[in-house]
PDB file of N, CA and C in Angstrom:
ATOM      1  N   UNK A   1     -11.042 -18.588   5.154  1.00  0.00           N
ATOM      2  CA  UNK A   1     -10.050 -17.765   4.141  1.00  0.00           C
ATOM      3  C   UNK A   1      -8.984 -17.377   4.042  1.00  0.00           C
ATOM      4  N   UNK A   2      -8.229 -18.119   2.927  1.00  0.00           N
ATOM      5  CA  UNK A   2      -6.817 -18.116   2.572  1.00  0.00           C
ATOM      6  C   UNK A   2      -6.806 -16.302   2.454  1.00  0.00           C
ATOM      7  N   UNK A   3      -5.157 -16.647   2.861  1.00  0.00           N
ATOM      8  CA  UNK A   3      -4.379 -15.106   3.073  1.00  0.00           C
ATOM      9  C   UNK A   3      -4.012 -14.954   1.581  1.00  0.00           C
ATOM     10  N   UNK A   4      -3.942 -13.037   1.270  1.00  0.00           N
ATOM     11  CA  UNK A   4      -3.385 -12.841   0.403  1.00  0.00           C
ATOM     12  C   UNK A   4      -2.127 -12.638   0.031  1.00  0.00           C
ATOM     13  N   UNK A   5      -1.049 -12.915  -0.812  1.00  0.00           N
ATOM     14  CA  UNK A   5       0.231 -12.450  -1.021  1.00  0.00           C
ATOM     15  C   UNK A   5       0.466 -11.615  -1.438  1.00  0.00           C
ATOM     16  N   UNK A   6       1.630 -10.978  -1.168  1.00  0.00           N
ATOM     17  CA  UNK A   6       1.867  -9.582  -1.219  1.00  0.00           C
ATOM     18  C   UNK A   6       2.978  -9.621  -2.016  1.00  0.00           C
ATOM     19  N   UNK A   7       2.627  -8.963  -2.970  1.00  0.00           N
ATOM     20  CA  UNK A   7       4.287  -8.760  -3.988  1.00  0.00           C
ATOM     21  C   UNK A   7       4.150  -6.986  -4.369  1.00  0.00           C
ATOM     22  N   UNK A   8       5.476  -6.604  -4.209  1.00  0.00           N
ATOM     23  CA  UNK A   8       6.168  -4.999  -4.862  1.00  0.00           C
ATOM     24  C   UNK A   8       6.298  -5.028  -5.967  1.00  0.00           C
ATOM     25  N   UNK A   9       5.744  -4.376  -6.982  1.00  0.00           N
ATOM     26  CA  UNK A   9       6.259  -4.130  -7.972  1.00  0.00           C
ATOM     27  C   UNK A   9       7.827  -3.206  -8.332  1.00  0.00           C
ATOM     28  N   UNK A  10       8.650  -3.648  -8.954  1.00  0.00           N
ATOM     29  CA  UNK A  10       9.754  -2.779  -9.177  1.00  0.00           C
ATOM     30  C   UNK A  10      10.249  -1.651  -8.707  1.00  0.00           C
ATOM     31  N   UNK A  11       9.256  -0.539  -9.056  1.00  0.00           N
ATOM     32  CA  UNK A  11       9.381   0.651  -8.704  1.00  0.00           C
ATOM     33  C   UNK A  11       8.884   1.089  -7.536  1.00  0.00           C
ATOM     34  N   UNK A  12       7.754   0.097  -6.686  1.00  0.00           N
ATOM     35  CA  UNK A  12       7.543   0.675  -5.334  1.00  0.00           C
ATOM     36  C   UNK A  12       8.325  -0.041  -4.821  1.00  0.00           C
ATOM     37  N   UNK A  13       9.604  -1.169  -4.961  1.00  0.00           N
ATOM     38  CA  UNK A  13      10.517  -1.216  -4.060  1.00  0.00           C
ATOM     39  C   UNK A  13      11.599  -0.428  -4.113  1.00  0.00           C
ATOM     40  N   UNK A  14      12.082   0.270  -5.636  1.00  0.00           N
ATOM     41  CA  UNK A  14      12.867   1.393  -5.614  1.00  0.00           C
ATOM     42  C   UNK A  14      12.333   2.572  -4.522  1.00  0.00           C
ATOM     43  N   UNK A  15      10.966   3.597  -4.667  1.00  0.00           N
ATOM     44  CA  UNK A  15      10.466   3.767  -3.151  1.00  0.00           C
ATOM     45  C   UNK A  15      11.019   3.369  -2.269  1.00  0.00           C
ATOM     46  N   UNK A  16      10.434   2.160  -1.460  1.00  0.00           N
ATOM     47  CA  UNK A  16      11.046   2.061  -0.482  1.00  0.00           C
ATOM     48  C   UNK A  16      12.540   2.206   0.189  1.00  0.00           C
ATOM     49  N   UNK A  17      13.061   1.790  -0.823  1.00  0.00           N
ATOM     50  CA  UNK A  17      14.473   1.740  -0.639  1.00  0.00           C
ATOM     51  C   UNK A  17      14.754   3.202   0.093  1.00  0.00           C
ATOM     52  N   UNK A  18      14.273   4.254  -0.845  1.00  0.00           N
ATOM     53  CA  UNK A  18      14.678   5.460   0.043  1.00  0.00           C
ATOM     54  C   UNK A  18      13.819   6.076   1.016  1.00  0.00           C
ATOM     55  N   UNK A  19      13.236   5.459   1.463  1.00  0.00           N
ATOM     56  CA  UNK A  19      12.495   5.794   2.891  1.00  0.00           C
ATOM     57  C   UNK A  19      13.734   5.220   3.720  1.00  0.00           C
ATOM     58  N   UNK A  20      13.333   5.990   5.266  1.00  0.00           N
ATOM     59  CA  UNK A  20      14.372   5.473   6.596  1.00  0.00           C
ATOM     60  C   UNK A  20      14.238   4.191   6.757  1.00  0.00           C
ATOM     61  N   UNK A  21      15.231   3.489   7.580  1.00  0.00           N
ATOM     62  CA  UNK A  21      14.558   2.291   8.151  1.00  0.00           C
ATOM     63  C   UNK A  21      13.347   2.168   8.551  1.00  0.00           C
ATOM     64  N   UNK A  22      13.319   3.181   9.922  1.00  0.00           N
ATOM     65  CA  UNK A  22      11.934   3.364  10.670  1.00  0.00           C
ATOM     66  C   UNK A  22      10.818   3.047   9.752  1.00  0.00           C
ATOM     67  N   UNK A  23      10.682   3.879   8.454  1.00  0.00           N
ATOM     68  CA  UNK A  23       9.645   4.243   7.623  1.00  0.00           C
ATOM     69  C   UNK A  23       9.649   2.624   6.937  1.00  0.00           C
ATOM     70  N   UNK A  24      10.656   2.071   6.430  1.00  0.00           N
ATOM     71  CA  UNK A  24      10.898   0.722   5.820  1.00  0.00           C
ATOM     72  C   UNK A  24       9.895  -0.138   6.420  1.00  0.00           C
ATOM     73  N   UNK A  25      10.327  -0.505   8.089  1.00  0.00           N
ATOM     74  CA  UNK A  25       9.850  -0.832   9.190  1.00  0.00           C
ATOM     75  C   UNK A  25       8.159  -0.880   8.993  1.00  0.00           C
ATOM     76  N   UNK A  26       8.037   0.250   9.334  1.00  0.00           N
ATOM     77  CA  UNK A  26       6.401   0.538   9.430  1.00  0.00           C
ATOM     78  C   UNK A  26       5.919   0.363   8.380  1.00  0.00           C
ATOM     79  N   UNK A  27       6.252   0.390   7.104  1.00  0.00           N
ATOM     80  CA  UNK A  27       5.501   0.297   6.018  1.00  0.00           C
ATOM     81  C   UNK A  27       5.162  -1.074   5.991  1.00  0.00           C
ATOM     82  N   UNK A  28       6.146  -2.126   5.917  1.00  0.00           N
ATOM     83  CA  UNK A  28       6.017  -3.435   6.136  1.00  0.00           C
ATOM     84  C   UNK A  28       5.043  -4.226   6.897  1.00  0.00           C
ATOM     85  N   UNK A  29       5.446  -3.669   8.223  1.00  0.00           N
ATOM     86  CA  UNK A  29       4.324  -4.065   9.041  1.00  0.00           C
ATOM     87  C   UNK A  29       2.959  -3.898   8.853  1.00  0.00           C
ATOM     88  N   UNK A  30       2.591  -2.269   8.252  1.00  0.00           N
ATOM     89  CA  UNK A  30       1.590  -2.289   8.108  1.00  0.00           C
ATOM     90  C   UNK A  30       0.572  -2.727   6.917  1.00  0.00           C
ATOM     91  N   UNK A  31       1.559  -3.134   5.672  1.00  0.00           N
ATOM     92  CA  UNK A  31       0.859  -3.717   4.526  1.00  0.00           C
ATOM     93  C   UNK A  31       0.557  -4.893   4.859  1.00  0.00           C
ATOM     94  N   UNK A  32       1.429  -5.757   5.665  1.00  0.00           N
ATOM     95  CA  UNK A  32       1.537  -7.285   6.241  1.00  0.00           C
ATOM     96  C   UNK A  32      -0.029  -7.584   7.026  1.00  0.00           C
ATOM     97  N   UNK A  33      -0.588  -6.596   8.140  1.00  0.00           N
ATOM     98  CA  UNK A  33      -1.455  -6.426   8.979  1.00  0.00           C
ATOM     99  C   UNK A  33      -2.820  -5.708   8.293  1.00  0.00           C
ATOM    100  N   UNK A  34      -2.252  -5.309   7.296  1.00  0.00           N
ATOM    101  CA  UNK A  34      -3.721  -4.370   6.595  1.00  0.00           C
ATOM    102  C   UNK A  34      -4.377  -5.208   5.236  1.00  0.00           C
ATOM    103  N   UNK A  35      -3.273  -5.680   4.930  1.00  0.00           N
ATOM    104  CA  UNK A  35      -3.440  -5.924   3.639  1.00  0.00           C
ATOM    105  C   UNK A  35      -3.856  -7.618   3.086  1.00  0.00           C
ATOM    106  N   UNK A  36      -3.193  -8.621   3.946  1.00  0.00           N
ATOM    107  CA  UNK A  36      -3.212 -10.024   4.088  1.00  0.00           C
ATOM    108  C   UNK A  36      -4.206 -10.614   4.166  1.00  0.00           C
ATOM    109  N   UNK A  37      -5.125 -10.052   4.695  1.00  0.00           N
ATOM    110  CA  UNK A  37      -6.299 -11.039   5.075  1.00  0.00           C
ATOM    111  C   UNK A  37      -7.767 -10.209   4.070  1.00  0.00           C
ATOM    112  N   UNK A  38      -7.956  -8.951   4.375  1.00  0.00           N
ATOM    113  CA  UNK A  38      -8.980  -7.724   3.567  1.00  0.00           C
ATOM    114  C   UNK A  38      -8.535  -7.056   3.127  1.00  0.00           C
ATOM    115  N   UNK A  39      -8.127  -6.884   1.755  1.00  0.00           N
ATOM    116  CA  UNK A  39      -7.297  -6.000   1.262  1.00  0.00           C
ATOM    117  C   UNK A  39      -8.371  -5.228   0.920  1.00  0.00           C
ATOM    118  N   UNK A  40      -9.935  -5.564   0.374  1.00  0.00           N
ATOM    119  CA  UNK A  40     -10.951  -4.686   0.012  1.00  0.00           C
ATOM    120  C   UNK A  40     -11.831  -4.376   0.247  1.00  0.00           C
ATOM    121  N   UNK A  41     -11.502  -4.433   1.989  1.00  0.00           N
ATOM    122  CA  UNK A  41     -12.547  -3.654   3.385  1.00  0.00           C
ATOM    123  C   UNK A  41     -12.134  -2.518   3.265  1.00  0.00           C
ATOM    124  N   UNK A  42     -12.942  -1.733   2.912  1.00  0.00           N
ATOM    125  CA  UNK A  42     -12.842  -0.179   3.151  1.00  0.00           C
ATOM    126  C   UNK A  42     -12.639   0.355   4.844  1.00  0.00           C
ATOM    127  N   UNK A  43     -11.646   0.765   5.083  1.00  0.00           N
ATOM    128  CA  UNK A  43     -11.075   1.303   6.716  1.00  0.00           C
ATOM    129  C   UNK A  43     -11.123   3.042   6.742  1.00  0.00           C
ATOM    130  N   UNK A  44     -10.948   3.197   7.826  1.00  0.00           N
ATOM    131  CA  UNK A  44     -10.384   4.906   7.838  1.00  0.00           C
ATOM    132  C   UNK A  44      -8.844   5.060   7.480  1.00  0.00           C
ATOM    133  N   UNK A  45      -8.268   4.051   7.298  1.00  0.00           N
ATOM    134  CA  UNK A  45      -6.771   3.953   6.774  1.00  0.00           C
ATOM    135  C   UNK A  45      -7.044   3.210   5.313  1.00  0.00           C
ATOM    136  N   UNK A  46      -7.857   2.718   5.219  1.00  0.00           N
ATOM    137  CA  UNK A  46      -7.788   1.820   3.894  1.00  0.00           C
ATOM    138  C   UNK A  46      -9.262   2.401   2.798  1.00  0.00           C
ATOM    139  N   UNK A  47      -9.117   2.889   1.555  1.00  0.00           N
ATOM    140  CA  UNK A  47     -10.134   3.428   0.830  1.00  0.00           C
ATOM    141  C   UNK A  47      -9.996   3.192  -0.982  1.00  0.00           C
ATOM    142  N   UNK A  48     -10.784   2.544  -1.488  1.00  0.00           N
ATOM    143  CA  UNK A  48     -10.867   2.406  -2.575  1.00  0.00           C
ATOM    144  C   UNK A  48     -10.202   4.162  -3.654  1.00  0.00           C
ATOM    145  N   UNK A  49     -10.000   3.851  -4.302  1.00  0.00           N
ATOM    146  CA  UNK A  49      -9.878   5.427  -5.474  1.00  0.00           C
ATOM    147  C   UNK A  49     -10.527   5.195  -6.507  1.00  0.00           C
ATOM    148  N   UNK A  50     -11.024   6.691  -7.308  1.00  0.00           N
ATOM    149  CA  UNK A  50     -11.648   6.482  -8.389  1.00  0.00           C
ATOM    150  C   UNK A  50     -10.996   7.281  -9.580  1.00  0.00           C
ATOM    151  N   UNK A  51     -10.770   6.569 -10.252  1.00  0.00           N
ATOM    152  CA  UNK A  51     -10.143   7.271 -11.561  1.00  0.00           C
ATOM    153  C   UNK A  51      -8.473   7.479 -11.055  1.00  0.00           C
ATOM    154  N   UNK A  52      -7.818   6.734 -10.927  1.00  0.00           N
ATOM    155  CA  UNK A  52      -6.160   7.070 -10.309  1.00  0.00           C
ATOM    156  C   UNK A  52      -5.331   6.080 -11.421  1.00  0.00           C
ATOM    157  N   UNK A  53      -4.343   6.736 -11.214  1.00  0.00           N
ATOM    158  CA  UNK A  53      -3.371   5.956 -12.011  1.00  0.00           C
ATOM    159  C   UNK A  53      -2.145   5.584 -10.716  1.00  0.00           C
ATOM    160  N   UNK A  54      -2.440   5.916  -9.711  1.00  0.00           N
ATOM    161  CA  UNK A  54      -1.498   5.019  -8.486  1.00  0.00           C
ATOM    162  C   UNK A  54      -2.444   3.874  -8.297  1.00  0.00           C
ATOM    163  N   UNK A  55      -3.321   3.350  -8.490  1.00  0.00           N
ATOM    164  CA  UNK A  55      -3.934   1.993  -8.500  1.00  0.00           C
ATOM    165  C   UNK A  55      -5.084   2.263  -7.874  1.00  0.00           C
ATOM    166  N   UNK A  56      -5.518   1.114  -7.314  1.00  0.00           N
ATOM    167  CA  UNK A  56      -7.458   0.996  -7.174  1.00  0.00           C
ATOM    168  C   UNK A  56      -7.244   1.143  -5.915  1.00  0.00           C
ATOM    169  N   UNK A  57      -6.565   0.976  -4.873  1.00  0.00           N
ATOM    170  CA  UNK A  57      -6.532   1.646  -3.434  1.00  0.00           C
ATOM    171  C   UNK A  57      -5.323   2.110  -3.043  1.00  0.00           C
ATOM    172  N   UNK A  58      -5.966   2.690  -1.442  1.00  0.00           N
ATOM    173  CA  UNK A  58      -4.484   3.681  -1.139  1.00  0.00           C
ATOM    174  C   UNK A  58      -4.509   3.095   0.439  1.00  0.00           C
ATOM    175  N   UNK A  59      -3.718   2.955   0.981  1.00  0.00           N
ATOM    176  CA  UNK A  59      -3.284   2.840   2.479  1.00  0.00           C
ATOM    177  C   UNK A  59      -2.764   3.661   2.938  1.00  0.00           C
ATOM    178  N   UNK A  60      -3.071   4.208   4.108  1.00  0.00           N
ATOM    179  CA  UNK A  60      -2.552   5.373   5.069  1.00  0.00           C
ATOM    180  C   UNK A  60      -2.297   5.052   6.213  1.00  0.00           C
ATOM    181  N   UNK A  61      -0.598   5.138   6.469  1.00  0.00           N
ATOM    182  CA  UNK A  61       0.003   4.783   7.580  1.00  0.00           C
ATOM    183  C   UNK A  61       0.700   6.163   7.818  1.00  0.00           C
ATOM    184  N   UNK A  62      -0.216   6.771   8.645  1.00  0.00           N
ATOM    185  CA  UNK A  62       0.651   8.329   9.027  1.00  0.00           C
ATOM    186  C   UNK A  62       0.973   9.205   7.782  1.00  0.00           C
ATOM    187  N   UNK A  63       2.286   9.850   7.541  1.00  0.00           N
ATOM    188  CA  UNK A  63       2.682  10.336   6.353  1.00  0.00           C
ATOM    189  C   UNK A  63       2.646   9.419   4.992  1.00  0.00           C
ATOM    190  N   UNK A  64       2.804   8.144   5.614  1.00  0.00           N
ATOM    191  CA  UNK A  64       3.353   7.318   4.342  1.00  0.00           C
ATOM    192  C   UNK A  64       1.928   6.714   3.641  1.00  0.00           C
ATOM    193  N   UNK A  65       1.749   6.380   2.319  1.00  0.00           N
ATOM    194  CA  UNK A  65       0.732   5.995   1.399  1.00  0.00           C
ATOM    195  C   UNK A  65       1.469   5.108   0.469  1.00  0.00           C
ATOM    196  N   UNK A  66       0.693   3.459   0.542  1.00  0.00           N
ATOM    197  CA  UNK A  66       0.894   2.555  -0.317  1.00  0.00           C
ATOM    198  C   UNK A  66      -0.556   2.619  -0.954  1.00  0.00           C
ATOM    199  N   UNK A  67       0.023   2.533  -2.697  1.00  0.00           N
ATOM    200  CA  UNK A  67      -0.895   2.511  -3.538  1.00  0.00           C
ATOM    201  C   UNK A  67      -0.809   1.045  -4.320  1.00  0.00           C
ATOM    202  N   UNK A  68      -2.073   0.271  -4.045  1.00  0.00           N
ATOM    203  CA  UNK A  68      -2.188  -0.960  -4.568  1.00  0.00           C
ATOM    204  C   UNK A  68      -3.121  -1.749  -5.404  1.00  0.00           C
ATOM    205  N   UNK A  69      -3.270  -2.466  -6.186  1.00  0.00           N
ATOM    206  CA  UNK A  69      -4.027  -3.164  -6.675  1.00  0.00           C
ATOM    207  C   UNK A  69      -4.444  -4.986  -6.324  1.00  0.00           C
ATOM    208  N   UNK A  70      -5.523  -5.355  -6.334  1.00  0.00           N
ATOM    209  CA  UNK A  70      -5.951  -6.693  -5.384  1.00  0.00           C
ATOM    210  C   UNK A  70      -6.364  -7.446  -6.788  1.00  0.00           C
ATOM    211  N   UNK A  71      -5.729  -8.700  -6.982  1.00  0.00           N
ATOM    212  CA  UNK A  71      -6.158  -9.621  -8.106  1.00  0.00           C
ATOM    213  C   UNK A  71      -7.086 -11.019  -7.378  1.00  0.00           C
ATOM    214  N   UNK A  72      -8.116 -10.736  -6.840  1.00  0.00           N
ATOM    215  CA  UNK A  72      -8.894 -11.674  -6.088  1.00  0.00           C
ATOM    216  C   UNK A  72      -8.632 -12.957  -6.540  1.00  0.00           C
ATOM    217  N   UNK A  73      -9.076 -13.704  -7.780  1.00  0.00           N
ATOM    218  CA  UNK A  73      -8.892 -14.642  -8.195  1.00  0.00           C
ATOM    219  C   UNK A  73      -7.422 -15.698  -7.860  1.00  0.00           C
ATOM    220  N   UNK A  74      -6.300 -14.711  -7.836  1.00  0.00           N
ATOM    221  CA  UNK A  74      -5.004 -15.218  -7.619  1.00  0.00           C
ATOM    222  C   UNK A  74      -4.746 -14.936  -6.280  1.00  0.00           C
ATOM    223  N   UNK A  75      -5.461 -14.217  -5.265  1.00  0.00           N
ATOM    224  CA  UNK A  75      -5.417 -13.957  -4.016  1.00  0.00           C
ATOM    225  C   UNK A  75      -3.646 -13.008  -3.963  1.00  0.00           C
ATOM    226  N   UNK A  76      -3.847 -12.147  -4.694  1.00  0.00           N
ATOM    227  CA  UNK A  76      -2.663 -11.621  -4.732  1.00  0.00           C
ATOM    228  C   UNK A  76      -2.786 -10.039  -4.634  1.00  0.00           C
ATOM    229  N   UNK A  77      -2.002  -9.270  -3.548  1.00  0.00           N
ATOM    230  CA  UNK A  77      -1.974  -7.843  -3.492  1.00  0.00           C
ATOM    231  C   UNK A  77      -0.568  -7.328  -4.075  1.00  0.00           C
ATOM    232  N   UNK A  78      -0.714  -6.656  -5.026  1.00  0.00           N
ATOM    233  CA  UNK A  78       0.131  -5.984  -5.650  1.00  0.00           C
ATOM    234  C   UNK A  78       0.617  -4.105  -5.476  1.00  0.00           C
ATOM    235  N   UNK A  79       1.529  -3.779  -4.589  1.00  0.00           N
ATOM    236  CA  UNK A  79       1.696  -2.582  -4.456  1.00  0.00           C
ATOM    237  C   UNK A  79       2.314  -1.970  -5.415  1.00  0.00           C
ATOM    238  N   UNK A  80       2.094  -1.252  -6.271  1.00  0.00           N
ATOM    239  CA  UNK A  80       2.499  -0.187  -7.469  1.00  0.00           C
ATOM    240  C   UNK A  80       3.580   0.879  -7.063  1.00  0.00           C
ATOM    241  N   UNK A  81       3.098   1.290  -5.746  1.00  0.00           N
ATOM    242  CA  UNK A  81       3.574   2.587  -5.553  1.00  0.00           C
ATOM    243  C   UNK A  81       3.985   2.860  -3.855  1.00  0.00           C
ATOM    244  N   UNK A  82       4.822   3.691  -3.339  1.00  0.00           N
ATOM    245  CA  UNK A  82       4.852   4.145  -1.850  1.00  0.00           C
ATOM    246  C   UNK A  82       5.203   5.549  -1.788  1.00  0.00           C
ATOM    247  N   UNK A  83       4.897   6.024  -1.263  1.00  0.00           N
ATOM    248  CA  UNK A  83       5.796   7.759  -0.655  1.00  0.00           C
ATOM    249  C   UNK A  83       5.156   8.207   0.578  1.00  0.00           C
ATOM    250  N   UNK A  84       5.857   9.403   0.869  1.00  0.00           N
ATOM    251  CA  UNK A  84       5.471  10.071   2.100  1.00  0.00           C
ATOM    252  C   UNK A  84       4.487  11.653   1.716  1.00  0.00           C
ATOM    253  N   UNK A  85       3.404  11.751   1.811  1.00  0.00           N
ATOM    254  CA  UNK A  85       2.743  12.678   1.846  1.00  0.00           C
ATOM    255  C   UNK A  85       3.580  13.691   2.494  1.00  0.00           C
ATOM    256  N   UNK A  86       3.519  14.611   1.857  1.00  0.00           N
ATOM    257  CA  UNK A  86       3.790  16.141   2.086  1.00  0.00           C
ATOM    258  C   UNK A  86       2.849  17.133   2.566  1.00  0.00           C
ATOM    259  N   UNK A  87       2.850  17.807   3.406  1.00  0.00           N
ATOM    260  CA  UNK A  87       1.409  18.687   3.810  1.00  0.00           C
ATOM    261  C   UNK A  87       1.915  20.188   3.402  1.00  0.00           C
ATOM    262  N   UNK A  88       1.031  21.052   3.224  1.00  0.00           N
ATOM    263  CA  UNK A  88       1.523  22.422   3.430  1.00  0.00           C
ATOM    264  C   UNK A  88       1.724  22.572   2.150  1.00  0.00           C
ATOM    265  N   UNK A  89       1.733  21.950   1.040  1.00  0.00           N
ATOM    266  CA  UNK A  89       2.806  22.539   0.125  1.00  0.00           C
ATOM    267  C   UNK A  89       1.941  23.127  -0.961  1.00  0.00           C
ATOM    268  N   UNK A  90       2.046  24.222  -1.620  1.00  0.00           N
ATOM    269  CA  UNK A  90       1.278  24.638  -2.484  1.00  0.00           C
ATOM    270  C   UNK A  90       1.633  24.894  -4.132  1.00  0.00           C
TER     271      UNK A  90
END
């Protein structure tokens, strides 16, 4: 099975730049590890989203989130946006 190519949308790149270096490395490693081969397989850290403007899928890496779409025919995973989940905000 051929691997998927990972692409970052321009806005996702801008979001990544705002992360700390440690978060950037953690995110890049997780995206490579989890989305290169089977990005459409649901796991405890990866799930499809219903009716979301953020993308079709969510990858959770601790407090980091990456939202992405998959284009199967072209074998491309496009990371649309990334961010940090902030807990307990009202």
